[in-house]
Amino acid sequence: HSLSVDDIAGDVRLTRRTLQRRLQEQNANFAQLRDSVRFHYAIKYLIDDHMSVDAVSKALDFSDRTSFTNAFKRW
């Protein structure tokens, strides 16, 4: 499942702009929230589910393994 702002907005039946505006009202940022969710699931998938780095990268909608690895280092 894609984790793009457009896809998530569609999933919750909002326009992209409305979703961003509502997040802003809560002092939240889509990219930061997505990163937080990705970090949580990365740990779960790697430790609890014993998934490979490649599988986790795909499951969390990263463009490639390197993008995931760079994000994980940043976290």
C-alpha atoms as a PDB file:
ATOM      1  CA  HIS A   1       0.000   0.000   0.000  1.00  0.00           C
ATOM      2  CA  SER A   2       1.355   3.409  -0.927  1.00  0.00           C
ATOM      3  CA  LEU A   3       2.113   5.814   1.894  1.00  0.00           C
ATOM      4  CA  SER A   4       1.922   8.950  -0.214  1.00  0.00           C
ATOM      5  CA  VAL A   5      -0.036  11.916   1.115  1.00  0.00           C
ATOM      6  CA  ASP A   6      -2.446  11.655  -1.819  1.00  0.00           C
ATOM      7  CA  ASP A   7      -3.179   7.978  -1.194  1.00  0.00           C
ATOM      8  CA  ILE A   8      -3.628   8.431   2.546  1.00  0.00           C
ATOM      9  CA  ALA A   9      -5.900  11.444   1.987  1.00  0.00           C
ATOM     10  CA  GLY A  10      -7.979   9.338  -0.383  1.00  0.00           C
ATOM     11  CA  ASP A  11      -8.158   6.511   2.146  1.00  0.00           C
ATOM     12  CA  VAL A  12      -9.667   8.868   4.721  1.00  0.00           C
ATOM     13  CA  ARG A  13     -11.840  10.551   2.076  1.00  0.00           C
ATOM     14  CA  LEU A  14     -10.212  13.970   2.252  1.00  0.00           C
ATOM     15  CA  THR A  15      -8.448  16.070  -0.315  1.00  0.00           C
ATOM     16  CA  ARG A  16      -4.709  16.361   0.055  1.00  0.00           C
ATOM     17  CA  ARG A  17      -5.037  20.004   1.080  1.00  0.00           C
ATOM     18  CA  THR A  18      -7.735  19.300   3.681  1.00  0.00           C
ATOM     19  CA  LEU A  19      -5.628  16.543   5.228  1.00  0.00           C
ATOM     20  CA  GLN A  20      -2.600  18.824   5.364  1.00  0.00           C
ATOM     21  CA  ARG A  21      -4.662  21.659   6.836  1.00  0.00           C
ATOM     22  CA  ARG A  22      -6.120  19.395   9.538  1.00  0.00           C
ATOM     23  CA  LEU A  23      -2.701  18.074  10.418  1.00  0.00           C
ATOM     24  CA  GLN A  24      -1.380  21.623  10.606  1.00  0.00           C
ATOM     25  CA  GLU A  25      -4.222  22.531  13.003  1.00  0.00           C
ATOM     26  CA  GLN A  26      -2.869  19.781  15.279  1.00  0.00           C
ATOM     27  CA  ASN A  27       0.719  21.001  14.860  1.00  0.00           C
ATOM     28  CA  ALA A  28       1.467  17.813  12.950  1.00  0.00           C
ATOM     29  CA  ASN A  29       3.298  17.213   9.704  1.00  0.00           C
ATOM     30  CA  PHE A  30       2.494  14.373   7.292  1.00  0.00           C
ATOM     31  CA  ALA A  31       6.119  13.512   6.566  1.00  0.00           C
ATOM     32  CA  GLN A  32       6.996  13.376  10.269  1.00  0.00           C
ATOM     33  CA  LEU A  33       3.990  11.186  11.055  1.00  0.00           C
ATOM     34  CA  ARG A  34       4.793   8.867   8.153  1.00  0.00           C
ATOM     35  CA  ASP A  35       8.398   8.605   9.371  1.00  0.00           C
ATOM     36  CA  SER A  36       7.203   7.768  12.873  1.00  0.00           C
ATOM     37  CA  VAL A  37       4.918   5.012  11.573  1.00  0.00           C
ATOM     38  CA  ARG A  38       7.638   3.675   9.298  1.00  0.00           C
ATOM     39  CA  PHE A  39      10.142   3.588  12.170  1.00  0.00           C
ATOM     40  CA  HIS A  40       7.702   1.730  14.429  1.00  0.00           C
ATOM     41  CA  TYR A  41       6.914  -0.872  11.788  1.00  0.00           C
ATOM     42  CA  ALA A  42      10.551  -1.195  10.677  1.00  0.00           C
ATOM     43  CA  ILE A  43      11.521  -2.252  14.197  1.00  0.00           C
ATOM     44  CA  LYS A  44       8.565  -4.628  14.439  1.00  0.00           C
ATOM     45  CA  TYR A  45       9.205  -6.203  11.043  1.00  0.00           C
ATOM     46  CA  LEU A  46      12.949  -6.596  11.595  1.00  0.00           C
ATOM     47  CA  ILE A  47      12.897  -7.849  15.185  1.00  0.00           C
ATOM     48  CA  ASP A  48       9.520  -9.480  15.778  1.00  0.00           C
ATOM     49  CA  ASP A  49       8.754 -10.743  12.282  1.00  0.00           C
ATOM     50  CA  HIS A  50      12.365 -11.458  11.191  1.00  0.00           C
ATOM     51  CA  MET A  51      11.784  -9.864   7.783  1.00  0.00           C
ATOM     52  CA  SER A  52      14.692  -9.067   5.484  1.00  0.00           C
ATOM     53  CA  VAL A  53      15.778  -5.473   4.910  1.00  0.00           C
ATOM     54  CA  ASP A  54      14.536  -5.721   1.326  1.00  0.00           C
ATOM     55  CA  ALA A  55      11.123  -6.989   2.446  1.00  0.00           C
ATOM     56  CA  VAL A  56      10.807  -4.237   5.065  1.00  0.00           C
ATOM     57  CA  SER A  57      11.811  -1.628   2.498  1.00  0.00           C
ATOM     58  CA  LYS A  58       9.032  -2.781   0.176  1.00  0.00           C
ATOM     59  CA  ALA A  59       6.456  -3.173   2.950  1.00  0.00           C
ATOM     60  CA  LEU A  60       7.045   0.408   4.099  1.00  0.00           C
ATOM     61  CA  ASP A  61       6.827   1.858   0.578  1.00  0.00           C
ATOM     62  CA  PHE A  62      10.429   2.984   0.197  1.00  0.00           C
ATOM     63  CA  SER A  63      11.634   3.424  -3.367  1.00  0.00           C
ATOM     64  CA  ASP A  64      14.568   1.068  -2.754  1.00  0.00           C
ATOM     65  CA  ARG A  65      16.697  -0.589  -0.088  1.00  0.00           C
ATOM     66  CA  THR A  66      19.150   2.320   0.044  1.00  0.00           C
ATOM     67  CA  SER A  67      16.369   4.810   0.799  1.00  0.00           C
ATOM     68  CA  PHE A  68      15.181   2.603   3.647  1.00  0.00           C
ATOM     69  CA  THR A  69      18.713   2.119   4.988  1.00  0.00           C
ATOM     70  CA  ASN A  70      19.362   5.873   4.920  1.00  0.00           C
ATOM     71  CA  ALA A  71      16.081   6.560   6.728  1.00  0.00           C
ATOM     72  CA  PHE A  72      16.858   3.912   9.333  1.00  0.00           C
ATOM     73  CA  LYS A  73      20.276   5.476   9.987  1.00  0.00           C
ATOM     74  CA  ARG A  74      18.602   8.885  10.359  1.00  0.00           C
ATOM     75  CA  TRP A  75      16.122   7.468  12.890  1.00  0.00           C
END
